[in-house]
């Protein structure tokens, strides 16, 4: 039973060591890249929102005209 406990501790250590090693390999975006991606996202969301708004208005008026 003591051996099982030691092996679990070693497994946790190995996991943490490997996790730190993998995190060091990650290439995080720069502040500029993050800002640019955010701007593109906001622009796309704005256009999609406007499109859906206009489609809703058009279909609401069509349905309103067909069902007096």
C-alpha atoms as a PDB file:
ATOM      1  CA  UNK A   1       0.000   0.000   0.000  1.00  0.00           C
ATOM      2  CA  UNK A   2       2.881   2.386   0.722  1.00  0.00           C
ATOM      3  CA  UNK A   3       4.333   1.639  -2.713  1.00  0.00           C
ATOM      4  CA  UNK A   4       1.045   2.586  -4.313  1.00  0.00           C
ATOM      5  CA  UNK A   5       1.107   5.963  -2.539  1.00  0.00           C
ATOM      6  CA  UNK A   6       4.656   6.644  -3.651  1.00  0.00           C
ATOM      7  CA  UNK A   7       3.855   5.780  -7.250  1.00  0.00           C
ATOM      8  CA  UNK A   8       0.879   8.170  -7.211  1.00  0.00           C
ATOM      9  CA  UNK A   9       3.095  10.956  -5.867  1.00  0.00           C
ATOM     10  CA  UNK A  10       5.633  10.226  -8.607  1.00  0.00           C
ATOM     11  CA  UNK A  11       2.845  10.257 -11.195  1.00  0.00           C
ATOM     12  CA  UNK A  12       1.710  13.686  -9.987  1.00  0.00           C
ATOM     13  CA  UNK A  13       5.292  14.994 -10.088  1.00  0.00           C
ATOM     14  CA  UNK A  14       5.755  13.658 -13.619  1.00  0.00           C
ATOM     15  CA  UNK A  15       2.476  15.214 -14.686  1.00  0.00           C
ATOM     16  CA  UNK A  16       3.413  18.607 -13.254  1.00  0.00           C
ATOM     17  CA  UNK A  17       6.897  18.475 -14.769  1.00  0.00           C
ATOM     18  CA  UNK A  18       5.506  17.578 -18.188  1.00  0.00           C
ATOM     19  CA  UNK A  19       2.835  20.280 -17.877  1.00  0.00           C
ATOM     20  CA  UNK A  20       5.418  22.966 -17.175  1.00  0.00           C
ATOM     21  CA  UNK A  21       7.512  21.700 -20.076  1.00  0.00           C
ATOM     22  CA  UNK A  22       4.521  21.897 -22.453  1.00  0.00           C
ATOM     23  CA  UNK A  23       3.510  25.379 -21.248  1.00  0.00           C
ATOM     24  CA  UNK A  24       7.026  26.617 -22.036  1.00  0.00           C
ATOM     25  CA  UNK A  25       6.548  25.450 -25.646  1.00  0.00           C
ATOM     26  CA  UNK A  26       3.366  27.480 -26.106  1.00  0.00           C
ATOM     27  CA  UNK A  27       3.637  30.572 -28.273  1.00  0.00           C
ATOM     28  CA  UNK A  28       1.302  33.182 -26.841  1.00  0.00           C
ATOM     29  CA  UNK A  29       0.103  36.031 -29.078  1.00  0.00           C
ATOM     30  CA  UNK A  30       1.545  39.480 -28.618  1.00  0.00           C
ATOM     31  CA  UNK A  31      -0.579  42.353 -27.364  1.00  0.00           C
ATOM     32  CA  UNK A  32      -0.745  43.744 -30.903  1.00  0.00           C
ATOM     33  CA  UNK A  33      -1.904  40.420 -32.383  1.00  0.00           C
ATOM     34  CA  UNK A  34      -4.564  40.090 -29.704  1.00  0.00           C
ATOM     35  CA  UNK A  35      -5.799  43.633 -30.332  1.00  0.00           C
ATOM     36  CA  UNK A  36      -5.951  43.074 -34.086  1.00  0.00           C
ATOM     37  CA  UNK A  37      -7.887  39.829 -33.669  1.00  0.00           C
ATOM     38  CA  UNK A  38     -10.308  41.558 -31.304  1.00  0.00           C
ATOM     39  CA  UNK A  39     -10.909  44.404 -33.777  1.00  0.00           C
ATOM     40  CA  UNK A  40     -11.589  41.950 -36.612  1.00  0.00           C
ATOM     41  CA  UNK A  41     -13.969  40.001 -34.370  1.00  0.00           C
ATOM     42  CA  UNK A  42     -15.897  43.130 -33.352  1.00  0.00           C
ATOM     43  CA  UNK A  43     -16.207  44.255 -36.986  1.00  0.00           C
ATOM     44  CA  UNK A  44     -17.488  40.852 -38.122  1.00  0.00           C
ATOM     45  CA  UNK A  45     -19.963  40.652 -35.233  1.00  0.00           C
ATOM     46  CA  UNK A  46     -21.208  44.162 -36.066  1.00  0.00           C
ATOM     47  CA  UNK A  47     -21.843  43.279 -39.716  1.00  0.00           C
ATOM     48  CA  UNK A  48     -23.585  40.026 -38.828  1.00  0.00           C
ATOM     49  CA  UNK A  49     -25.737  41.834 -36.254  1.00  0.00           C
ATOM     50  CA  UNK A  50     -26.743  44.497 -38.780  1.00  0.00           C
ATOM     51  CA  UNK A  51     -27.575  41.838 -41.366  1.00  0.00           C
ATOM     52  CA  UNK A  52     -29.750  39.910 -38.906  1.00  0.00           C
ATOM     53  CA  UNK A  53     -31.443  43.126 -37.757  1.00  0.00           C
ATOM     54  CA  UNK A  54     -32.280  44.125 -41.325  1.00  0.00           C
ATOM     55  CA  UNK A  55     -33.498  40.610 -42.170  1.00  0.00           C
ATOM     56  CA  UNK A  56     -35.720  40.682 -39.090  1.00  0.00           C
ATOM     57  CA  UNK A  57     -37.196  44.058 -40.040  1.00  0.00           C
ATOM     58  CA  UNK A  58     -37.847  42.956 -43.627  1.00  0.00           C
ATOM     59  CA  UNK A  59     -39.465  39.658 -42.644  1.00  0.00           C
ATOM     60  CA  UNK A  60     -41.520  41.336 -39.903  1.00  0.00           C
ATOM     61  CA  UNK A  61     -42.926  43.804 -42.428  1.00  0.00           C
ATOM     62  CA  UNK A  62     -43.583  41.050 -44.977  1.00  0.00           C
ATOM     63  CA  UNK A  63     -45.443  38.939 -42.433  1.00  0.00           C
ATOM     64  CA  UNK A  64     -47.290  42.056 -41.215  1.00  0.00           C
ATOM     65  CA  UNK A  65     -48.366  42.841 -44.762  1.00  0.00           C
ATOM     66  CA  UNK A  66     -49.522  39.285 -45.443  1.00  0.00           C
ATOM     67  CA  UNK A  67     -51.376  38.853 -42.146  1.00  0.00           C
ATOM     68  CA  UNK A  68     -53.431  42.000 -41.534  1.00  0.00           C
END
